[in-house]
């Protein structure tokens, strides 16, 4: 189980780095507001994913994985609802772009890490 947890945490760190890199590129290209939106969108997706990864990687976590997945999606929805309610002037396409990057990067890094360890 420790190796699964380590793989999940490594993938989460690389995904976070990817979102930060995208936010830095957005800062240079579009400015501070767009970079903040990209970063917040990525955080809204990565925080519940990280929480779920740590919970599922426990000894009995596989038994409640489906409930944790539902909770993860509910937390993501709540996060976006709060983001758009508290900051109505935020760039929605940029926030969703950051979230999309986080959604794609996390499983992509997991697959790459598994392929690397199988060699």
C-alpha atoms as a PDB file:
ATOM      1  CA  UNK A   1       0.000   0.000   0.000  1.00  0.00           C
ATOM      2  CA  UNK A   2       2.862   2.359   0.692  1.00  0.00           C
ATOM      3  CA  UNK A   3       4.026   2.217  -2.904  1.00  0.00           C
ATOM      4  CA  UNK A   4       0.507   3.030  -4.150  1.00  0.00           C
ATOM      5  CA  UNK A   5       0.341   5.993  -1.804  1.00  0.00           C
ATOM      6  CA  UNK A   6       3.765   7.117  -2.964  1.00  0.00           C
ATOM      7  CA  UNK A   7       2.713   6.856  -6.630  1.00  0.00           C
ATOM      8  CA  UNK A   8      -0.474   8.812  -5.962  1.00  0.00           C
ATOM      9  CA  UNK A   9       1.387  11.540  -4.095  1.00  0.00           C
ATOM     10  CA  UNK A  10       4.048  11.749  -6.799  1.00  0.00           C
ATOM     11  CA  UNK A  11       1.363  12.094  -9.483  1.00  0.00           C
ATOM     12  CA  UNK A  12      -0.391  14.739  -7.392  1.00  0.00           C
ATOM     13  CA  UNK A  13       2.847  16.718  -7.030  1.00  0.00           C
ATOM     14  CA  UNK A  14       3.578  16.563 -10.767  1.00  0.00           C
ATOM     15  CA  UNK A  15       0.013  17.596 -11.562  1.00  0.00           C
ATOM     16  CA  UNK A  16       0.299  20.518  -9.163  1.00  0.00           C
ATOM     17  CA  UNK A  17       3.543  21.531 -10.823  1.00  0.00           C
ATOM     18  CA  UNK A  18       1.844  21.372 -14.229  1.00  0.00           C
ATOM     19  CA  UNK A  19      -0.965  23.641 -13.043  1.00  0.00           C
ATOM     20  CA  UNK A  20       1.569  26.078 -11.559  1.00  0.00           C
ATOM     21  CA  UNK A  21       3.523  26.084 -14.812  1.00  0.00           C
ATOM     22  CA  UNK A  22       0.333  26.765 -16.782  1.00  0.00           C
ATOM     23  CA  UNK A  23      -0.515  29.587 -14.373  1.00  0.00           C
ATOM     24  CA  UNK A  24       2.962  31.064 -14.853  1.00  0.00           C
ATOM     25  CA  UNK A  25       2.553  30.885 -18.640  1.00  0.00           C
ATOM     26  CA  UNK A  26      -0.868  32.514 -18.326  1.00  0.00           C
ATOM     27  CA  UNK A  27       0.688  35.243 -16.176  1.00  0.00           C
ATOM     28  CA  UNK A  28       3.195  36.053 -18.905  1.00  0.00           C
ATOM     29  CA  UNK A  29       0.661  35.780 -21.705  1.00  0.00           C
ATOM     30  CA  UNK A  30      -2.589  37.182 -20.275  1.00  0.00           C
ATOM     31  CA  UNK A  31      -1.847  38.736 -16.904  1.00  0.00           C
ATOM     32  CA  UNK A  32      -2.466  38.270 -13.215  1.00  0.00           C
ATOM     33  CA  UNK A  33      -6.246  37.748 -13.285  1.00  0.00           C
ATOM     34  CA  UNK A  34      -6.119  34.902 -15.810  1.00  0.00           C
ATOM     35  CA  UNK A  35      -3.190  33.272 -14.004  1.00  0.00           C
ATOM     36  CA  UNK A  36      -5.110  33.419 -10.729  1.00  0.00           C
ATOM     37  CA  UNK A  37      -8.136  31.822 -12.383  1.00  0.00           C
ATOM     38  CA  UNK A  38      -6.023  28.997 -13.851  1.00  0.00           C
ATOM     39  CA  UNK A  39      -4.399  28.367 -10.484  1.00  0.00           C
ATOM     40  CA  UNK A  40      -7.676  28.425  -8.555  1.00  0.00           C
ATOM     41  CA  UNK A  41      -9.344  26.089 -11.056  1.00  0.00           C
ATOM     42  CA  UNK A  42      -6.491  23.633 -10.695  1.00  0.00           C
ATOM     43  CA  UNK A  43      -6.557  23.830  -6.909  1.00  0.00           C
ATOM     44  CA  UNK A  44     -10.299  23.223  -6.822  1.00  0.00           C
ATOM     45  CA  UNK A  45      -9.793  19.946  -8.695  1.00  0.00           C
ATOM     46  CA  UNK A  46      -6.499  18.827  -7.146  1.00  0.00           C
ATOM     47  CA  UNK A  47      -7.455  19.334  -3.494  1.00  0.00           C
ATOM     48  CA  UNK A  48     -10.352  16.826  -3.479  1.00  0.00           C
ATOM     49  CA  UNK A  49      -8.357  14.462  -5.695  1.00  0.00           C
ATOM     50  CA  UNK A  50      -5.470  14.561  -3.230  1.00  0.00           C
ATOM     51  CA  UNK A  51      -7.818  13.980  -0.330  1.00  0.00           C
ATOM     52  CA  UNK A  52      -9.362  10.999  -2.098  1.00  0.00           C
ATOM     53  CA  UNK A  53      -5.965   9.588  -3.052  1.00  0.00           C
ATOM     54  CA  UNK A  54      -4.809   9.647   0.548  1.00  0.00           C
ATOM     55  CA  UNK A  55      -8.032   8.090   1.813  1.00  0.00           C
ATOM     56  CA  UNK A  56      -8.189   5.312  -0.780  1.00  0.00           C
ATOM     57  CA  UNK A  57      -4.514   4.405  -0.295  1.00  0.00           C
ATOM     58  CA  UNK A  58      -5.224   3.411   3.302  1.00  0.00           C
ATOM     59  CA  UNK A  59      -5.613  -0.238   4.216  1.00  0.00           C
ATOM     60  CA  UNK A  60      -9.418  -0.307   4.036  1.00  0.00           C
ATOM     61  CA  UNK A  61      -9.852   2.559   1.580  1.00  0.00           C
ATOM     62  CA  UNK A  62     -10.803   0.343  -1.333  1.00  0.00           C
ATOM     63  CA  UNK A  63     -14.071  -0.520   0.412  1.00  0.00           C
ATOM     64  CA  UNK A  64     -15.312   3.076   0.369  1.00  0.00           C
ATOM     65  CA  UNK A  65     -13.754   4.185  -2.932  1.00  0.00           C
ATOM     66  CA  UNK A  66     -17.079   4.754  -4.683  1.00  0.00           C
ATOM     67  CA  UNK A  67     -18.407   6.906  -1.831  1.00  0.00           C
ATOM     68  CA  UNK A  68     -15.166   8.881  -1.781  1.00  0.00           C
ATOM     69  CA  UNK A  69     -15.396   9.424  -5.542  1.00  0.00           C
ATOM     70  CA  UNK A  70     -18.900  10.845  -5.150  1.00  0.00           C
ATOM     71  CA  UNK A  71     -17.679  13.071  -2.326  1.00  0.00           C
ATOM     72  CA  UNK A  72     -14.770  14.199  -4.518  1.00  0.00           C
ATOM     73  CA  UNK A  73     -17.104  15.309  -7.294  1.00  0.00           C
ATOM     74  CA  UNK A  74     -19.384  17.044  -4.800  1.00  0.00           C
ATOM     75  CA  UNK A  75     -16.396  18.907  -3.322  1.00  0.00           C
ATOM     76  CA  UNK A  76     -15.266  19.983  -6.799  1.00  0.00           C
ATOM     77  CA  UNK A  77     -18.753  21.259  -7.577  1.00  0.00           C
ATOM     78  CA  UNK A  78     -18.918  23.070  -4.257  1.00  0.00           C
ATOM     79  CA  UNK A  79     -15.511  24.581  -4.886  1.00  0.00           C
ATOM     80  CA  UNK A  80     -16.539  25.975  -8.263  1.00  0.00           C
ATOM     81  CA  UNK A  81     -19.838  27.227  -6.845  1.00  0.00           C
ATOM     82  CA  UNK A  82     -17.967  29.085  -4.108  1.00  0.00           C
ATOM     83  CA  UNK A  83     -15.378  30.406  -6.559  1.00  0.00           C
ATOM     84  CA  UNK A  84     -17.969  31.865  -8.917  1.00  0.00           C
ATOM     85  CA  UNK A  85     -20.107  33.171  -6.049  1.00  0.00           C
ATOM     86  CA  UNK A  86     -17.240  34.857  -4.207  1.00  0.00           C
ATOM     87  CA  UNK A  87     -15.402  36.104  -7.313  1.00  0.00           C
ATOM     88  CA  UNK A  88     -18.049  36.719  -9.998  1.00  0.00           C
ATOM     89  CA  UNK A  89     -15.588  38.668 -12.143  1.00  0.00           C
ATOM     90  CA  UNK A  90     -13.123  35.757 -12.453  1.00  0.00           C
ATOM     91  CA  UNK A  91     -12.349  34.410 -15.918  1.00  0.00           C
ATOM     92  CA  UNK A  92     -14.477  31.272 -16.112  1.00  0.00           C
ATOM     93  CA  UNK A  93     -12.718  29.844 -19.215  1.00  0.00           C
ATOM     94  CA  UNK A  94      -9.337  30.204 -17.511  1.00  0.00           C
ATOM     95  CA  UNK A  95     -10.581  28.548 -14.308  1.00  0.00           C
ATOM     96  CA  UNK A  96     -12.064  25.685 -16.287  1.00  0.00           C
ATOM     97  CA  UNK A  97      -8.848  25.404 -18.293  1.00  0.00           C
ATOM     98  CA  UNK A  98      -6.871  24.993 -15.063  1.00  0.00           C
ATOM     99  CA  UNK A  99      -9.373  22.419 -13.850  1.00  0.00           C
ATOM    100  CA  UNK A 100      -9.202  20.544 -17.146  1.00  0.00           C
ATOM    101  CA  UNK A 101      -5.426  20.484 -17.006  1.00  0.00           C
ATOM    102  CA  UNK A 102      -5.556  19.069 -13.486  1.00  0.00           C
ATOM    103  CA  UNK A 103      -8.130  16.465 -14.527  1.00  0.00           C
ATOM    104  CA  UNK A 104      -5.964  15.297 -17.423  1.00  0.00           C
ATOM    105  CA  UNK A 105      -2.556  15.595 -15.761  1.00  0.00           C
ATOM    106  CA  UNK A 106      -3.294  13.478 -12.694  1.00  0.00           C
ATOM    107  CA  UNK A 107      -4.191  10.220 -14.480  1.00  0.00           C
ATOM    108  CA  UNK A 108      -1.584  10.859 -17.167  1.00  0.00           C
ATOM    109  CA  UNK A 109       1.177  11.073 -14.569  1.00  0.00           C
ATOM    110  CA  UNK A 110      -0.198   7.970 -12.830  1.00  0.00           C
ATOM    111  CA  UNK A 111       0.016   6.002 -16.087  1.00  0.00           C
ATOM    112  CA  UNK A 112       3.526   7.291 -16.806  1.00  0.00           C
ATOM    113  CA  UNK A 113       4.674   6.424 -13.285  1.00  0.00           C
ATOM    114  CA  UNK A 114       3.218   2.908 -13.501  1.00  0.00           C
ATOM    115  CA  UNK A 115       4.863   2.312 -16.853  1.00  0.00           C
ATOM    116  CA  UNK A 116       8.176   3.521 -15.450  1.00  0.00           C
ATOM    117  CA  UNK A 117       7.991   1.182 -12.453  1.00  0.00           C
ATOM    118  CA  UNK A 118       7.028  -1.819 -14.616  1.00  0.00           C
ATOM    119  CA  UNK A 119      10.177  -1.525 -16.730  1.00  0.00           C
END
